[in-house]
């Protein structure tokens, strides 16, 4: 996995942690979860598009 894909994966996992912590502390935010899902889909796309 190239460096950019690793960075995207790390940001996605970090975003999930932040989103979950926000939900536990302050309640659910639909926009925050939507943004995380978009980030996760972009990360999957970057990983899938990398050359083998």
C-alpha atoms as a PDB file:
ATOM      1  CA  UNK A   1       0.000   0.000   0.000  1.00  0.00           C
ATOM      2  CA  UNK A   2       1.551   3.317  -1.029  1.00  0.00           C
ATOM      3  CA  UNK A   3       2.032   6.140   1.449  1.00  0.00           C
ATOM      4  CA  UNK A   4      -0.970   8.141   0.271  1.00  0.00           C
ATOM      5  CA  UNK A   5      -3.304   5.166   0.733  1.00  0.00           C
ATOM      6  CA  UNK A   6      -1.899   4.557   4.220  1.00  0.00           C
ATOM      7  CA  UNK A   7      -2.458   8.216   5.094  1.00  0.00           C
ATOM      8  CA  UNK A   8      -6.048   8.049   3.819  1.00  0.00           C
ATOM      9  CA  UNK A   9      -6.679   4.886   5.839  1.00  0.00           C
ATOM     10  CA  UNK A  10      -5.230   6.508   8.961  1.00  0.00           C
ATOM     11  CA  UNK A  11      -7.418   9.592   8.471  1.00  0.00           C
ATOM     12  CA  UNK A  12     -10.472   7.397   7.988  1.00  0.00           C
ATOM     13  CA  UNK A  13      -9.821   5.442  11.184  1.00  0.00           C
ATOM     14  CA  UNK A  14      -9.096   8.674  13.061  1.00  0.00           C
ATOM     15  CA  UNK A  15     -12.296  10.175  11.700  1.00  0.00           C
ATOM     16  CA  UNK A  16     -14.257   7.164  12.902  1.00  0.00           C
ATOM     17  CA  UNK A  17     -12.799   7.547  16.395  1.00  0.00           C
ATOM     18  CA  UNK A  18     -13.625  11.270  16.468  1.00  0.00           C
ATOM     19  CA  UNK A  19     -17.129  10.732  15.109  1.00  0.00           C
ATOM     20  CA  UNK A  20     -17.835   7.971  17.611  1.00  0.00           C
ATOM     21  CA  UNK A  21     -16.498  10.056  20.509  1.00  0.00           C
ATOM     22  CA  UNK A  22     -18.624  13.021  19.416  1.00  0.00           C
ATOM     23  CA  UNK A  23     -21.706  10.806  19.199  1.00  0.00           C
ATOM     24  CA  UNK A  24     -21.118   9.366  22.669  1.00  0.00           C
ATOM     25  CA  UNK A  25     -20.403  12.758  24.258  1.00  0.00           C
ATOM     26  CA  UNK A  26     -22.865  15.073  22.508  1.00  0.00           C
ATOM     27  CA  UNK A  27     -25.317  12.921  20.595  1.00  0.00           C
ATOM     28  CA  UNK A  28     -25.534  11.804  17.013  1.00  0.00           C
ATOM     29  CA  UNK A  29     -24.854  14.153  14.129  1.00  0.00           C
ATOM     30  CA  UNK A  30     -26.131  12.958  10.779  1.00  0.00           C
ATOM     31  CA  UNK A  31     -23.862  15.277   8.833  1.00  0.00           C
ATOM     32  CA  UNK A  32     -20.793  14.070  10.725  1.00  0.00           C
ATOM     33  CA  UNK A  33     -21.615  10.427   9.985  1.00  0.00           C
ATOM     34  CA  UNK A  34     -22.373  11.298   6.358  1.00  0.00           C
ATOM     35  CA  UNK A  35     -18.968  12.992   6.032  1.00  0.00           C
ATOM     36  CA  UNK A  36     -17.266   9.947   7.548  1.00  0.00           C
ATOM     37  CA  UNK A  37     -19.037   7.583   5.122  1.00  0.00           C
ATOM     38  CA  UNK A  38     -17.932   9.763   2.189  1.00  0.00           C
ATOM     39  CA  UNK A  39     -14.346   9.718   3.522  1.00  0.00           C
ATOM     40  CA  UNK A  40     -14.492   5.928   3.897  1.00  0.00           C
ATOM     41  CA  UNK A  41     -15.776   5.500   0.335  1.00  0.00           C
ATOM     42  CA  UNK A  42     -13.036   7.761  -1.037  1.00  0.00           C
ATOM     43  CA  UNK A  43     -10.462   5.746   0.904  1.00  0.00           C
ATOM     44  CA  UNK A  44     -11.800   2.496  -0.532  1.00  0.00           C
ATOM     45  CA  UNK A  45     -11.608   4.044  -3.991  1.00  0.00           C
ATOM     46  CA  UNK A  46      -7.992   5.135  -3.482  1.00  0.00           C
ATOM     47  CA  UNK A  47      -6.995   1.681  -2.238  1.00  0.00           C
ATOM     48  CA  UNK A  48      -8.844  -0.060  -5.084  1.00  0.00           C
ATOM     49  CA  UNK A  49      -7.384   2.235  -7.750  1.00  0.00           C
ATOM     50  CA  UNK A  50      -3.770   1.707  -6.791  1.00  0.00           C
ATOM     51  CA  UNK A  51      -1.731  -0.353  -9.233  1.00  0.00           C
ATOM     52  CA  UNK A  52      -1.131  -3.968  -8.249  1.00  0.00           C
END
